[in-house]
C-alpha atoms as a PDB file:
ATOM      1  CA  MET A   1     -17.858  33.733  40.191  1.00  0.00           C
ATOM      2  CA  THR A   2     -16.532  30.648  41.686  1.00  0.00           C
ATOM      3  CA  ARG A   3     -13.129  29.140  40.730  1.00  0.00           C
ATOM      4  CA  GLN A   4     -12.702  25.524  40.165  1.00  0.00           C
ATOM      5  CA  ARG A   5      -9.754  23.422  39.492  1.00  0.00           C
ATOM      6  CA  VAL A   6      -9.478  20.560  37.304  1.00  0.00           C
ATOM      7  CA  ARG A   7      -6.504  18.059  37.431  1.00  0.00           C
ATOM      8  CA  VAL A   8      -5.913  15.904  34.511  1.00  0.00           C
ATOM      9  CA  THR A   9      -3.420  12.956  34.726  1.00  0.00           C
ATOM     10  CA  ILE A  10      -2.391  11.215  31.421  1.00  0.00           C
ATOM     11  CA  ASP A  11      -0.609   7.949  31.669  1.00  0.00           C
ATOM     12  CA  THR A  12       1.766   8.340  28.686  1.00  0.00           C
ATOM     13  CA  LYS A  13       3.338   5.018  28.897  1.00  0.00           C
ATOM     14  CA  ASN A  14       0.192   3.464  27.326  1.00  0.00           C
ATOM     15  CA  ILE A  15       0.333   5.843  24.394  1.00  0.00           C
ATOM     16  CA  ALA A  16       3.435   4.385  22.607  1.00  0.00           C
ATOM     17  CA  PRO A  17       2.266   0.782  22.234  1.00  0.00           C
ATOM     18  CA  LYS A  18      -1.044   1.919  20.889  1.00  0.00           C
ATOM     19  CA  LEU A  19       0.633   4.139  18.376  1.00  0.00           C
ATOM     20  CA  LYS A  20       3.021   1.376  17.303  1.00  0.00           C
ATOM     21  CA  LYS A  21       0.129  -1.045  16.980  1.00  0.00           C
ATOM     22  CA  ALA A  22      -1.961   1.488  14.824  1.00  0.00           C
ATOM     23  CA  SER A  23       1.028   2.442  12.642  1.00  0.00           C
ATOM     24  CA  GLU A  24       1.847  -1.377  11.871  1.00  0.00           C
ATOM     25  CA  ARG A  25      -1.799  -2.012  11.159  1.00  0.00           C
ATOM     26  CA  ALA A  26      -1.915   1.064   8.781  1.00  0.00           C
ATOM     27  CA  ARG A  27       1.290   0.010   7.000  1.00  0.00           C
ATOM     28  CA  PHE A  28      -0.150  -3.572   6.445  1.00  0.00           C
ATOM     29  CA  LEU A  29      -3.467  -2.461   5.069  1.00  0.00           C
ATOM     30  CA  VAL A  30      -1.844   0.487   2.982  1.00  0.00           C
ATOM     31  CA  SER A  31       0.720  -2.116   1.575  1.00  0.00           C
ATOM     32  CA  GLN A  32      -2.200  -4.487   0.493  1.00  0.00           C
ATOM     33  CA  GLN A  33      -4.111  -1.644  -0.987  1.00  0.00           C
ATOM     34  CA  VAL A  34      -1.051  -0.348  -3.037  1.00  0.00           C
ATOM     35  CA  LEU A  35      -0.432  -3.896  -4.396  1.00  0.00           C
ATOM     36  CA  LYS A  36      -4.057  -4.240  -5.374  1.00  0.00           C
ATOM     37  CA  ASP A  37      -4.296  -1.030  -7.205  1.00  0.00           C
ATOM     38  CA  SER A  38      -0.752  -1.373  -8.763  1.00  0.00           C
ATOM     39  CA  ASN A  39      -1.648  -4.765 -10.104  1.00  0.00           C
ATOM     40  CA  ARG A  40      -4.538  -3.331 -12.096  1.00  0.00           C
ATOM     41  CA  PHE A  41      -1.875  -1.838 -14.298  1.00  0.00           C
ATOM     42  CA  VAL A  42       0.360  -4.949 -14.645  1.00  0.00           C
ATOM     43  CA  PRO A  43       0.752  -6.588 -17.938  1.00  0.00           C
ATOM     44  CA  PHE A  44      -0.975  -9.907 -17.860  1.00  0.00           C
ATOM     45  CA  ASP A  45      -0.327 -12.890 -20.049  1.00  0.00           C
ATOM     46  CA  THR A  46      -0.221 -16.057 -17.759  1.00  0.00           C
ATOM     47  CA  GLY A  47      -0.655 -14.169 -14.362  1.00  0.00           C
ATOM     48  CA  ASN A  48       2.762 -15.079 -13.202  1.00  0.00           C
ATOM     49  CA  LEU A  49       3.809 -11.399 -12.950  1.00  0.00           C
ATOM     50  CA  ARG A  50       0.945 -10.405 -10.922  1.00  0.00           C
ATOM     51  CA  ASP A  51       1.102 -13.594  -8.736  1.00  0.00           C
ATOM     52  CA  SER A  52       4.706 -12.850  -7.992  1.00  0.00           C
ATOM     53  CA  SER A  53       3.822  -9.801  -6.220  1.00  0.00           C
ATOM     54  CA  ILE A  54       1.943 -11.629  -3.483  1.00  0.00           C
ATOM     55  CA  ARG A  55       4.754 -13.975  -2.962  1.00  0.00           C
ATOM     56  CA  ALA A  56       7.520 -11.408  -3.154  1.00  0.00           C
ATOM     57  CA  SER A  57       5.882  -8.668  -0.943  1.00  0.00           C
ATOM     58  CA  ASN A  58       6.184  -8.223   2.670  1.00  0.00           C
ATOM     59  CA  PHE A  59       3.240  -6.316   3.984  1.00  0.00           C
ATOM     60  CA  ASP A  60       4.133  -6.296   7.509  1.00  0.00           C
ATOM     61  CA  GLU A  61       7.317  -4.241   6.432  1.00  0.00           C
ATOM     62  CA  GLY A  62       5.473  -2.189   3.825  1.00  0.00           C
ATOM     63  CA  GLN A  63       7.400  -3.735   0.913  1.00  0.00           C
ATOM     64  CA  ILE A  64       5.910  -4.270  -2.427  1.00  0.00           C
ATOM     65  CA  ALA A  65       7.798  -6.239  -5.073  1.00  0.00           C
ATOM     66  CA  TRP A  66       7.383  -8.232  -8.388  1.00  0.00           C
ATOM     67  CA  ASP A  67      10.041 -10.770  -8.622  1.00  0.00           C
ATOM     68  CA  THR A  68       9.849 -12.648 -11.990  1.00  0.00           C
ATOM     69  CA  PRO A  69      12.972 -12.415 -14.134  1.00  0.00           C
ATOM     70  CA  TYR A  70      11.316 -10.061 -16.525  1.00  0.00           C
ATOM     71  CA  ALA A  71       9.582  -7.772 -13.928  1.00  0.00           C
ATOM     72  CA  ARG A  72      12.143  -5.089 -14.254  1.00  0.00           C
ATOM     73  CA  LYS A  73      12.156  -4.964 -18.111  1.00  0.00           C
ATOM     74  CA  LEU A  74       8.337  -4.846 -18.071  1.00  0.00           C
ATOM     75  CA  TYR A  75       8.164  -2.105 -15.397  1.00  0.00           C
ATOM     76  CA  PHE A  76      10.296   0.125 -17.266  1.00  0.00           C
ATOM     77  CA  GLY A  77       8.894  -0.789 -20.578  1.00  0.00           C
ATOM     78  CA  VAL A  78      12.399  -1.341 -22.254  1.00  0.00           C
ATOM     79  CA  ARG A  79      11.617  -2.207 -25.891  1.00  0.00           C
ATOM     80  CA  MET A  80       8.205  -3.573 -24.992  1.00  0.00           C
ATOM     81  CA  ASN A  81       4.888  -3.782 -26.729  1.00  0.00           C
ATOM     82  CA  PHE A  82       2.223  -4.420 -24.022  1.00  0.00           C
ATOM     83  CA  SER A  83      -0.528  -6.612 -25.261  1.00  0.00           C
ATOM     84  CA  ARG A  84      -3.867  -5.115 -23.925  1.00  0.00           C
ATOM     85  CA  ASP A  85      -5.913  -8.145 -24.788  1.00  0.00           C
ATOM     86  CA  SER A  86      -6.220  -9.558 -21.114  1.00  0.00           C
ATOM     87  CA  ASN A  87      -5.737  -6.110 -19.341  1.00  0.00           C
ATOM     88  CA  PRO A  88      -6.543  -3.028 -21.125  1.00  0.00           C
ATOM     89  CA  SER A  89      -4.721  -0.808 -18.511  1.00  0.00           C
ATOM     90  CA  ALA A  90      -1.613  -2.679 -18.780  1.00  0.00           C
ATOM     91  CA  GLY A  91       1.701  -0.851 -19.190  1.00  0.00           C
ATOM     92  CA  PRO A  92       4.943   0.204 -17.629  1.00  0.00           C
ATOM     93  CA  LEU A  93       5.496   2.113 -14.442  1.00  0.00           C
ATOM     94  CA  TRP A  94       2.335   0.479 -12.919  1.00  0.00           C
ATOM     95  CA  TYR A  95       3.112   1.565  -9.292  1.00  0.00           C
ATOM     96  CA  GLU A  96       3.389   5.271 -10.584  1.00  0.00           C
ATOM     97  CA  ARG A  97       0.217   5.084 -12.493  1.00  0.00           C
ATOM     98  CA  ALA A  98      -1.664   3.504  -9.510  1.00  0.00           C
ATOM     99  CA  ARG A  99      -0.099   6.181  -7.213  1.00  0.00           C
ATOM    100  CA  ALA A 100      -1.430   8.922  -9.627  1.00  0.00           C
ATOM    101  CA  ALA A 101      -4.866   7.465  -9.506  1.00  0.00           C
ATOM    102  CA  HIS A 102      -5.266   6.195  -5.864  1.00  0.00           C
ATOM    103  CA  LEU A 103      -2.932   8.194  -3.619  1.00  0.00           C
ATOM    104  CA  GLN A 104      -5.814   9.964  -1.795  1.00  0.00           C
ATOM    105  CA  GLY A 105      -7.537   6.482  -1.230  1.00  0.00           C
ATOM    106  CA  TRP A 106      -4.294   5.284   0.296  1.00  0.00           C
ATOM    107  CA  ILE A 107      -4.136   8.116   2.592  1.00  0.00           C
ATOM    108  CA  ASN A 108      -7.660   7.476   3.659  1.00  0.00           C
ATOM    109  CA  VAL A 109      -6.955   3.716   4.234  1.00  0.00           C
ATOM    110  CA  ALA A 110      -4.085   4.601   6.519  1.00  0.00           C
ATOM    111  CA  LYS A 111      -6.088   7.248   8.547  1.00  0.00           C
ATOM    112  CA  GLN A 112      -8.979   4.863   8.909  1.00  0.00           C
ATOM    113  CA  ALA A 113      -6.621   2.030  10.139  1.00  0.00           C
ATOM    114  CA  VAL A 114      -4.944   4.374  12.637  1.00  0.00           C
ATOM    115  CA  ASN A 115      -8.257   5.733  13.853  1.00  0.00           C
ATOM    116  CA  ASN A 116      -9.684   2.149  14.226  1.00  0.00           C
ATOM    117  CA  GLN A 117      -6.604   1.056  16.282  1.00  0.00           C
ATOM    118  CA  LEU A 118      -6.808   4.077  18.757  1.00  0.00           C
END
């Protein structure tokens, strides 16, 4: 039986930038998907509430926001009767409802984004 030696050299200085780029891309894509899925549960009248989320969110930082003056009241459903004429899924706590329905999909988006960047 012959012995063989194998020497492996890993250049670790290239790993950190790749991981950073991959995580930034994943954060951006997951933020967009979270917003898209959450907006499916947002009450809709004129579309201003839904559209405010696109203006107020910062996908690069992973921040999702709805910034109309009445967004907080609608989100928590304080003394609100939601019309379901335009959106049958409308109701309070739209992020939590989207998370309950789509969390595994968000995880898959993140995994795929990281794998595509590495």
